[in-house]
Full PDB file with SEQRES, HELIX, SHEET, SSBOND, CRYST1, ORIGX, SCALE, CONECT and MASTER records, all heavy atoms in Angstrom:
SEQRES   1 A   33  ASN ALA GLY GLY LYS GLN LEU GLY CYS LEU SER GLU ASN          
SEQRES   2 A   33  GLN PHE THR TRP LEU GLU GLU ILE LEU SER ASN LEU THR          
SEQRES   3 A   33  ASP LYS LEU VAL LEU LEU MET                                  
HELIX    1 AA1 GLU A   12  SER A   23  1                                  12    
CRYST1    1.000    1.000    1.000  90.00  90.00  90.00 P 1           1          
ORIGX1      1.000000  0.000000  0.000000        0.00000                         
ORIGX2      0.000000  1.000000  0.000000        0.00000                         
ORIGX3      0.000000  0.000000  1.000000        0.00000                         
SCALE1      1.000000  0.000000  0.000000        0.00000                         
SCALE2      0.000000  1.000000  0.000000        0.00000                         
SCALE3      0.000000  0.000000  1.000000        0.00000                         
ATOM      1  N   ASN A   1     172.588  83.043 -17.117  1.00  0.00           N  
ATOM      2  CA  ASN A   1     173.362  84.204 -17.488  1.00  0.00           C  
ATOM      3  C   ASN A   1     174.695  83.784 -18.077  1.00  0.00           C  
ATOM      4  O   ASN A   1     175.024  82.599 -18.183  1.00  0.00           O  
ATOM      5  CB  ASN A   1     173.497  85.177 -16.310  1.00  0.00           C  
ATOM      6  CG  ASN A   1     174.350  84.604 -15.180  1.00  0.00           C  
ATOM      7  OD1 ASN A   1     175.051  83.598 -15.386  1.00  0.00           O  
ATOM      8  ND2 ASN A   1     174.290  85.231 -14.006  1.00  0.00           N  
ATOM      9  N   ALA A   2     175.511  84.767 -18.432  1.00  0.00           N  
ATOM     10  CA  ALA A   2     176.766  84.462 -19.119  1.00  0.00           C  
ATOM     11  C   ALA A   2     177.684  83.638 -18.222  1.00  0.00           C  
ATOM     12  O   ALA A   2     178.569  82.893 -18.714  1.00  0.00           O  
ATOM     13  CB  ALA A   2     177.502  85.793 -19.475  1.00  0.00           C  
ATOM     14  N   GLY A   3     177.528  83.728 -16.914  1.00  0.00           N  
ATOM     15  CA  GLY A   3     178.392  82.970 -15.984  1.00  0.00           C  
ATOM     16  C   GLY A   3     177.793  81.582 -15.681  1.00  0.00           C  
ATOM     17  O   GLY A   3     178.365  80.861 -14.881  1.00  0.00           O  
ATOM     18  N   GLY A   4     176.681  81.218 -16.345  1.00  0.00           N  
ATOM     19  CA  GLY A   4     176.101  79.926 -16.117  1.00  0.00           C  
ATOM     20  C   GLY A   4     175.178  79.862 -14.917  1.00  0.00           C  
ATOM     21  O   GLY A   4     174.667  78.760 -14.595  1.00  0.00           O  
ATOM     22  N   LYS A   5     174.883  80.993 -14.285  1.00  0.00           N  
ATOM     23  CA  LYS A   5     173.971  80.979 -13.137  1.00  0.00           C  
ATOM     24  C   LYS A   5     172.514  80.871 -13.609  1.00  0.00           C  
ATOM     25  O   LYS A   5     172.112  81.580 -14.552  1.00  0.00           O  
ATOM     26  CB  LYS A   5     174.117  82.286 -12.303  1.00  0.00           C  
ATOM     27  CG  LYS A   5     173.221  82.348 -11.118  1.00  0.00           C  
ATOM     28  CD  LYS A   5     173.373  83.630 -10.391  1.00  0.00           C  
ATOM     29  CE  LYS A   5     172.384  83.715  -9.198  1.00  0.00           C  
ATOM     30  NZ  LYS A   5     172.503  85.050  -8.479  1.00  0.00           N  
ATOM     31  N   GLN A   6     171.781  80.063 -12.957  1.00  0.00           N  
ATOM     32  CA  GLN A   6     170.388  79.847 -13.329  1.00  0.00           C  
ATOM     33  C   GLN A   6     169.540  80.980 -12.829  1.00  0.00           C  
ATOM     34  O   GLN A   6     169.654  81.479 -11.686  1.00  0.00           O  
ATOM     35  CB  GLN A   6     169.838  78.538 -12.713  1.00  0.00           C  
ATOM     36  CG  GLN A   6     168.507  78.079 -13.237  1.00  0.00           C  
ATOM     37  CD  GLN A   6     168.044  76.782 -12.618  1.00  0.00           C  
ATOM     38  OE1 GLN A   6     168.073  76.698 -11.394  1.00  0.00           O  
ATOM     39  NE2 GLN A   6     167.620  75.854 -13.454  1.00  0.00           N  
ATOM     40  N   LEU A   7     168.638  81.511 -13.654  1.00  0.00           N  
ATOM     41  CA  LEU A   7     167.772  82.596 -13.319  1.00  0.00           C  
ATOM     42  C   LEU A   7     166.324  82.203 -13.558  1.00  0.00           C  
ATOM     43  O   LEU A   7     166.022  81.294 -14.315  1.00  0.00           O  
ATOM     44  CB  LEU A   7     168.058  83.827 -14.246  1.00  0.00           C  
ATOM     45  CG  LEU A   7     169.527  84.319 -14.304  1.00  0.00           C  
ATOM     46  CD1 LEU A   7     169.674  85.372 -15.405  1.00  0.00           C  
ATOM     47  CD2 LEU A   7     169.959  84.814 -12.990  1.00  0.00           C  
ATOM     48  N   GLY A   8     165.361  82.868 -12.854  1.00  0.00           N  
ATOM     49  CA  GLY A   8     163.957  82.647 -13.067  1.00  0.00           C  
ATOM     50  C   GLY A   8     163.345  83.824 -13.793  1.00  0.00           C  
ATOM     51  O   GLY A   8     162.938  84.764 -13.193  1.00  0.00           O  
ATOM     52  N   CYS A   9     163.272  83.730 -15.132  1.00  0.00           N  
ATOM     53  CA  CYS A   9     162.788  84.849 -15.911  1.00  0.00           C  
ATOM     54  C   CYS A   9     162.447  84.359 -17.331  1.00  0.00           C  
ATOM     55  O   CYS A   9     162.715  83.249 -17.657  1.00  0.00           O  
ATOM     56  CB  CYS A   9     163.830  85.977 -15.992  1.00  0.00           C  
ATOM     57  SG  CYS A   9     165.374  85.553 -16.730  1.00  0.00           S  
ATOM     58  N   LEU A  10     161.809  85.292 -18.095  1.00  0.00           N  
ATOM     59  CA  LEU A  10     161.561  84.991 -19.485  1.00  0.00           C  
ATOM     60  C   LEU A  10     162.474  85.851 -20.314  1.00  0.00           C  
ATOM     61  O   LEU A  10     162.860  86.977 -19.968  1.00  0.00           O  
ATOM     62  CB  LEU A  10     160.118  85.319 -19.824  1.00  0.00           C  
ATOM     63  CG  LEU A  10     159.028  84.559 -19.092  1.00  0.00           C  
ATOM     64  CD1 LEU A  10     157.632  85.002 -19.554  1.00  0.00           C  
ATOM     65  CD2 LEU A  10     159.193  83.051 -19.333  1.00  0.00           C  
ATOM     66  N   SER A  11     162.853  85.367 -21.518  1.00  0.00           N  
ATOM     67  CA  SER A  11     163.745  86.105 -22.406  1.00  0.00           C  
ATOM     68  C   SER A  11     162.888  87.035 -23.356  1.00  0.00           C  
ATOM     69  O   SER A  11     161.700  86.933 -23.419  1.00  0.00           O  
ATOM     70  CB  SER A  11     164.537  85.134 -23.300  1.00  0.00           C  
ATOM     71  OG  SER A  11     163.672  84.477 -24.168  1.00  0.00           O  
ATOM     72  N   GLU A  12     163.636  87.924 -24.003  1.00  0.00           N  
ATOM     73  CA  GLU A  12     162.964  88.800 -24.959  1.00  0.00           C  
ATOM     74  C   GLU A  12     162.247  87.994 -26.105  1.00  0.00           C  
ATOM     75  O   GLU A  12     161.192  88.327 -26.470  1.00  0.00           O  
ATOM     76  CB  GLU A  12     163.994  89.750 -25.573  1.00  0.00           C  
ATOM     77  CG  GLU A  12     163.370  90.962 -26.253  1.00  0.00           C  
ATOM     78  CD  GLU A  12     162.666  91.860 -25.304  1.00  0.00           C  
ATOM     79  OE1 GLU A  12     163.105  92.087 -24.147  1.00  0.00           O  
ATOM     80  OE2 GLU A  12     161.552  92.350 -25.655  1.00  0.00           O  
ATOM     81  N   ASN A  13     162.920  86.943 -26.530  1.00  0.00           N  
ATOM     82  CA  ASN A  13     162.349  86.120 -27.595  1.00  0.00           C  
ATOM     83  C   ASN A  13     161.058  85.437 -27.086  1.00  0.00           C  
ATOM     84  O   ASN A  13     160.090  85.254 -27.868  1.00  0.00           O  
ATOM     85  CB  ASN A  13     163.324  85.060 -28.005  1.00  0.00           C  
ATOM     86  CG  ASN A  13     164.472  85.597 -28.829  1.00  0.00           C  
ATOM     87  OD1 ASN A  13     164.349  86.698 -29.406  1.00  0.00           O  
ATOM     88  ND2 ASN A  13     165.558  84.868 -28.977  1.00  0.00           N  
ATOM     89  N   GLN A  14     161.040  85.081 -25.806  1.00  0.00           N  
ATOM     90  CA  GLN A  14     159.821  84.438 -25.291  1.00  0.00           C  
ATOM     91  C   GLN A  14     158.655  85.393 -25.209  1.00  0.00           C  
ATOM     92  O   GLN A  14     157.482  85.018 -25.563  1.00  0.00           O  
ATOM     93  CB  GLN A  14     160.093  83.863 -23.884  1.00  0.00           C  
ATOM     94  CG  GLN A  14     160.954  82.604 -23.896  1.00  0.00           C  
ATOM     95  CD  GLN A  14     161.150  82.112 -22.449  1.00  0.00           C  
ATOM     96  OE1 GLN A  14     161.882  82.763 -21.702  1.00  0.00           O  
ATOM     97  NE2 GLN A  14     160.550  80.996 -22.092  1.00  0.00           N  
ATOM     98  N   PHE A  15     158.940  86.643 -24.828  1.00  0.00           N  
ATOM     99  CA  PHE A  15     157.829  87.631 -24.833  1.00  0.00           C  
ATOM    100  C   PHE A  15     157.284  87.877 -26.250  1.00  0.00           C  
ATOM    101  O   PHE A  15     156.099  87.991 -26.428  1.00  0.00           O  
ATOM    102  CB  PHE A  15     158.343  88.976 -24.197  1.00  0.00           C  
ATOM    103  CG  PHE A  15     158.438  88.917 -22.726  1.00  0.00           C  
ATOM    104  CD1 PHE A  15     159.655  89.102 -22.102  1.00  0.00           C  
ATOM    105  CD2 PHE A  15     157.284  88.764 -21.931  1.00  0.00           C  
ATOM    106  CE1 PHE A  15     159.718  89.095 -20.675  1.00  0.00           C  
ATOM    107  CE2 PHE A  15     157.360  88.712 -20.577  1.00  0.00           C  
ATOM    108  CZ  PHE A  15     158.581  88.906 -19.934  1.00  0.00           C  
ATOM    109  N   THR A  16     158.215  87.959 -27.207  1.00  0.00           N  
ATOM    110  CA  THR A  16     157.725  88.137 -28.606  1.00  0.00           C  
ATOM    111  C   THR A  16     156.904  86.963 -29.045  1.00  0.00           C  
ATOM    112  O   THR A  16     155.835  87.184 -29.644  1.00  0.00           O  
ATOM    113  CB  THR A  16     158.993  88.273 -29.497  1.00  0.00           C  
ATOM    114  OG1 THR A  16     159.769  89.382 -29.123  1.00  0.00           O  
ATOM    115  CG2 THR A  16     158.613  88.468 -30.958  1.00  0.00           C  
ATOM    116  N   TRP A  17     157.359  85.771 -28.756  1.00  0.00           N  
ATOM    117  CA  TRP A  17     156.622  84.540 -29.136  1.00  0.00           C  
ATOM    118  C   TRP A  17     155.223  84.535 -28.443  1.00  0.00           C  
ATOM    119  O   TRP A  17     154.244  84.172 -29.075  1.00  0.00           O  
ATOM    120  CB  TRP A  17     157.454  83.331 -28.725  1.00  0.00           C  
ATOM    121  CG  TRP A  17     156.785  81.976 -28.969  1.00  0.00           C  
ATOM    122  CD1 TRP A  17     156.732  81.289 -30.138  1.00  0.00           C  
ATOM    123  CD2 TRP A  17     156.034  81.190 -28.033  1.00  0.00           C  
ATOM    124  NE1 TRP A  17     156.026  80.105 -29.996  1.00  0.00           N  
ATOM    125  CE2 TRP A  17     155.588  80.027 -28.724  1.00  0.00           C  
ATOM    126  CE3 TRP A  17     155.680  81.395 -26.687  1.00  0.00           C  
ATOM    127  CZ2 TRP A  17     154.824  79.053 -28.034  1.00  0.00           C  
ATOM    128  CZ3 TRP A  17     154.941  80.435 -26.049  1.00  0.00           C  
ATOM    129  CH2 TRP A  17     154.486  79.283 -26.732  1.00  0.00           C  
ATOM    130  N   LEU A  18     155.232  84.865 -27.134  1.00  0.00           N  
ATOM    131  CA  LEU A  18     153.971  84.849 -26.383  1.00  0.00           C  
ATOM    132  C   LEU A  18     152.944  85.812 -26.970  1.00  0.00           C  
ATOM    133  O   LEU A  18     151.795  85.470 -27.128  1.00  0.00           O  
ATOM    134  CB  LEU A  18     154.279  85.125 -24.902  1.00  0.00           C  
ATOM    135  CG  LEU A  18     153.043  85.137 -24.004  1.00  0.00           C  
ATOM    136  CD1 LEU A  18     152.433  83.753 -23.940  1.00  0.00           C  
ATOM    137  CD2 LEU A  18     153.429  85.588 -22.580  1.00  0.00           C  
ATOM    138  N   GLU A  19     153.381  87.003 -27.277  1.00  0.00           N  
ATOM    139  CA  GLU A  19     152.468  88.012 -27.830  1.00  0.00           C  
ATOM    140  C   GLU A  19     151.885  87.503 -29.166  1.00  0.00           C  
ATOM    141  O   GLU A  19     150.712  87.684 -29.412  1.00  0.00           O  
ATOM    142  CB  GLU A  19     153.177  89.344 -27.988  1.00  0.00           C  
ATOM    143  CG  GLU A  19     153.406  90.099 -26.686  1.00  0.00           C  
ATOM    144  CD  GLU A  19     152.686  91.423 -26.663  1.00  0.00           C  
ATOM    145  OE1 GLU A  19     151.565  91.536 -27.195  1.00  0.00           O  
ATOM    146  OE2 GLU A  19     153.292  92.339 -26.030  1.00  0.00           O  
ATOM    147  N   GLU A  20     152.773  86.919 -29.968  1.00  0.00           N  
ATOM    148  CA  GLU A  20     152.246  86.436 -31.283  1.00  0.00           C  
ATOM    149  C   GLU A  20     151.275  85.293 -31.069  1.00  0.00           C  
ATOM    150  O   GLU A  20     150.239  85.291 -31.746  1.00  0.00           O  
ATOM    151  CB  GLU A  20     153.490  85.944 -32.064  1.00  0.00           C  
ATOM    152  CG  GLU A  20     153.137  85.417 -33.444  1.00  0.00           C  
ATOM    153  CD  GLU A  20     154.359  84.925 -34.242  1.00  0.00           C  
ATOM    154  OE1 GLU A  20     155.469  85.314 -33.882  1.00  0.00           O  
ATOM    155  OE2 GLU A  20     154.117  84.138 -35.185  1.00  0.00           O  
ATOM    156  N   ILE A  21     151.499  84.378 -30.148  1.00  0.00           N  
ATOM    157  CA  ILE A  21     150.652  83.314 -29.867  1.00  0.00           C  
ATOM    158  C   ILE A  21     149.281  83.826 -29.364  1.00  0.00           C  
ATOM    159  O   ILE A  21     148.184  83.421 -29.830  1.00  0.00           O  
ATOM    160  CB  ILE A  21     151.251  82.294 -28.914  1.00  0.00           C  
ATOM    161  CG1 ILE A  21     152.443  81.557 -29.520  1.00  0.00           C  
ATOM    162  CG2 ILE A  21     150.222  81.325 -28.370  1.00  0.00           C  
ATOM    163  CD1 ILE A  21     152.040  80.669 -30.679  1.00  0.00           C  
ATOM    164  N   LEU A  22     149.299  84.657 -28.332  1.00  0.00           N  
ATOM    165  CA  LEU A  22     148.112  85.118 -27.697  1.00  0.00           C  
ATOM    166  C   LEU A  22     147.249  85.973 -28.620  1.00  0.00           C  
ATOM    167  O   LEU A  22     145.998  85.977 -28.548  1.00  0.00           O  
ATOM    168  CB  LEU A  22     148.397  85.904 -26.377  1.00  0.00           C  
ATOM    169  CG  LEU A  22     149.025  85.076 -25.256  1.00  0.00           C  
ATOM    170  CD1 LEU A  22     149.309  85.975 -24.041  1.00  0.00           C  
ATOM    171  CD2 LEU A  22     148.134  83.935 -24.874  1.00  0.00           C  
ATOM    172  N   SER A  23     147.854  86.715 -29.492  1.00  0.00           N  
ATOM    173  CA  SER A  23     147.083  87.554 -30.437  1.00  0.00           C  
ATOM    174  C   SER A  23     146.267  86.715 -31.363  1.00  0.00           C  
ATOM    175  O   SER A  23     145.261  87.231 -31.954  1.00  0.00           O  
ATOM    176  CB  SER A  23     148.005  88.443 -31.232  1.00  0.00           C  
ATOM    177  OG  SER A  23     148.862  87.671 -32.110  1.00  0.00           O  
ATOM    178  N   ASN A  24     146.600  85.446 -31.536  1.00  0.00           N  
ATOM    179  CA  ASN A  24     145.866  84.514 -32.411  1.00  0.00           C  
ATOM    180  C   ASN A  24     144.917  83.589 -31.618  1.00  0.00           C  
ATOM    181  O   ASN A  24     144.351  82.676 -32.181  1.00  0.00           O  
ATOM    182  CB  ASN A  24     146.808  83.696 -33.264  1.00  0.00           C  
ATOM    183  CG  ASN A  24     147.578  84.509 -34.285  1.00  0.00           C  
ATOM    184  OD1 ASN A  24     146.960  85.331 -34.988  1.00  0.00           O  
ATOM    185  ND2 ASN A  24     148.871  84.354 -34.340  1.00  0.00           N  
ATOM    186  N   LEU A  25     144.799  83.817 -30.331  1.00  0.00           N  
ATOM    187  CA  LEU A  25     143.979  82.965 -29.472  1.00  0.00           C  
ATOM    188  C   LEU A  25     142.834  83.682 -28.813  1.00  0.00           C  
ATOM    189  O   LEU A  25     142.306  83.234 -27.767  1.00  0.00           O  
ATOM    190  CB  LEU A  25     144.815  82.302 -28.443  1.00  0.00           C  
ATOM    191  CG  LEU A  25     145.890  81.296 -28.876  1.00  0.00           C  
ATOM    192  CD1 LEU A  25     146.758  80.800 -27.718  1.00  0.00           C  
ATOM    193  CD2 LEU A  25     145.287  80.117 -29.595  1.00  0.00           C  
ATOM    194  N   THR A  26     142.439  84.806 -29.364  1.00  0.00           N  
ATOM    195  CA  THR A  26     141.432  85.648 -28.693  1.00  0.00           C  
ATOM    196  C   THR A  26     140.069  84.989 -28.625  1.00  0.00           C  
ATOM    197  O   THR A  26     139.197  85.438 -27.847  1.00  0.00           O  
ATOM    198  CB  THR A  26     141.289  86.981 -29.433  1.00  0.00           C  
ATOM    199  OG1 THR A  26     141.043  86.767 -30.812  1.00  0.00           O  
ATOM    200  CG2 THR A  26     142.605  87.816 -29.281  1.00  0.00           C  
ATOM    201  N   ASP A  27     139.870  83.911 -29.400  1.00  0.00           N  
ATOM    202  CA  ASP A  27     138.557  83.227 -29.408  1.00  0.00           C  
ATOM    203  C   ASP A  27     138.549  81.989 -28.505  1.00  0.00           C  
ATOM    204  O   ASP A  27     137.633  81.225 -28.517  1.00  0.00           O  
ATOM    205  CB  ASP A  27     138.112  82.829 -30.806  1.00  0.00           C  
ATOM    206  CG  ASP A  27     139.108  81.929 -31.471  1.00  0.00           C  
ATOM    207  OD1 ASP A  27     140.295  81.937 -31.081  1.00  0.00           O  
ATOM    208  OD2 ASP A  27     138.716  81.202 -32.395  1.00  0.00           O  
ATOM    209  N   LYS A  28     139.653  81.808 -27.724  1.00  0.00           N  
ATOM    210  CA  LYS A  28     139.747  80.631 -26.909  1.00  0.00           C  
ATOM    211  C   LYS A  28     140.048  81.007 -25.442  1.00  0.00           C  
ATOM    212  O   LYS A  28     140.541  82.071 -25.140  1.00  0.00           O  
ATOM    213  CB  LYS A  28     140.942  79.717 -27.369  1.00  0.00           C  
ATOM    214  CG  LYS A  28     140.646  79.110 -28.771  1.00  0.00           C  
ATOM    215  CD  LYS A  28     141.796  78.156 -29.163  1.00  0.00           C  
ATOM    216  CE  LYS A  28     141.493  77.474 -30.461  1.00  0.00           C  
ATOM    217  NZ  LYS A  28     142.596  76.487 -30.798  1.00  0.00           N  
ATOM    218  N   LEU A  29     139.708  80.035 -24.530  1.00  0.00           N  
ATOM    219  CA  LEU A  29     140.091  80.210 -23.196  1.00  0.00           C  
ATOM    220  C   LEU A  29     141.547  79.677 -23.048  1.00  0.00           C  
ATOM    221  O   LEU A  29     141.848  78.567 -23.500  1.00  0.00           O  
ATOM    222  CB  LEU A  29     139.210  79.385 -22.282  1.00  0.00           C  
ATOM    223  CG  LEU A  29     139.479  79.475 -20.768  1.00  0.00           C  
ATOM    224  CD1 LEU A  29     139.303  80.883 -20.237  1.00  0.00           C  
ATOM    225  CD2 LEU A  29     138.633  78.460 -19.962  1.00  0.00           C  
ATOM    226  N   VAL A  30     142.442  80.476 -22.449  1.00  0.00           N  
ATOM    227  CA  VAL A  30     143.860  80.143 -22.430  1.00  0.00           C  
ATOM    228  C   VAL A  30     144.261  79.767 -20.963  1.00  0.00           C  
ATOM    229  O   VAL A  30     143.919  80.472 -20.017  1.00  0.00           O  
ATOM    230  CB  VAL A  30     144.797  81.310 -22.872  1.00  0.00           C  
ATOM    231  CG1 VAL A  30     146.227  81.001 -22.692  1.00  0.00           C  
ATOM    232  CG2 VAL A  30     144.483  81.567 -24.368  1.00  0.00           C  
ATOM    233  N   LEU A  31     144.973  78.667 -20.814  1.00  0.00           N  
ATOM    234  CA  LEU A  31     145.588  78.258 -19.547  1.00  0.00           C  
ATOM    235  C   LEU A  31     147.099  78.432 -19.727  1.00  0.00           C  
ATOM    236  O   LEU A  31     147.649  77.837 -20.607  1.00  0.00           O  
ATOM    237  CB  LEU A  31     145.229  76.837 -19.188  1.00  0.00           C  
ATOM    238  CG  LEU A  31     143.763  76.398 -19.181  1.00  0.00           C  
ATOM    239  CD1 LEU A  31     143.673  74.930 -18.847  1.00  0.00           C  
ATOM    240  CD2 LEU A  31     142.928  77.253 -18.228  1.00  0.00           C  
ATOM    241  N   LEU A  32     147.667  79.180 -18.840  1.00  0.00           N  
ATOM    242  CA  LEU A  32     149.144  79.423 -18.866  1.00  0.00           C  
ATOM    243  C   LEU A  32     149.781  78.570 -17.788  1.00  0.00           C  
ATOM    244  O   LEU A  32     149.415  78.607 -16.604  1.00  0.00           O  
ATOM    245  CB  LEU A  32     149.482  80.885 -18.635  1.00  0.00           C  
ATOM    246  CG  LEU A  32     150.991  81.161 -18.746  1.00  0.00           C  
ATOM    247  CD1 LEU A  32     151.394  81.343 -20.231  1.00  0.00           C  
ATOM    248  CD2 LEU A  32     151.403  82.458 -17.984  1.00  0.00           C  
ATOM    249  N   MET A  33     150.784  77.802 -18.199  1.00  0.00           N  
ATOM    250  CA  MET A  33     151.566  76.989 -17.215  1.00  0.00           C  
ATOM    251  C   MET A  33     153.014  77.436 -17.220  1.00  0.00           C  
ATOM    252  O   MET A  33     153.643  77.495 -18.242  1.00  0.00           O  
ATOM    253  CB  MET A  33     151.454  75.499 -17.549  1.00  0.00           C  
ATOM    254  CG  MET A  33     152.177  74.571 -16.545  1.00  0.00           C  
ATOM    255  SD  MET A  33     151.753  72.803 -16.726  1.00  0.00           S  
ATOM    256  CE  MET A  33     152.400  72.452 -18.370  1.00  0.00           C  
TER     257      MET A  33                                                      
MASTER        0    0    0    1    0    0    0    6  256    1    0    3          
END                                                                             
């Protein structure tokens, strides 16, 4: 966060990236780490 505290979460950009990636992987088995 703005104060430098570490958080456990995903950002808005990550959700956008993930949706874009997964929409192109519908013919594959996906493992999420």
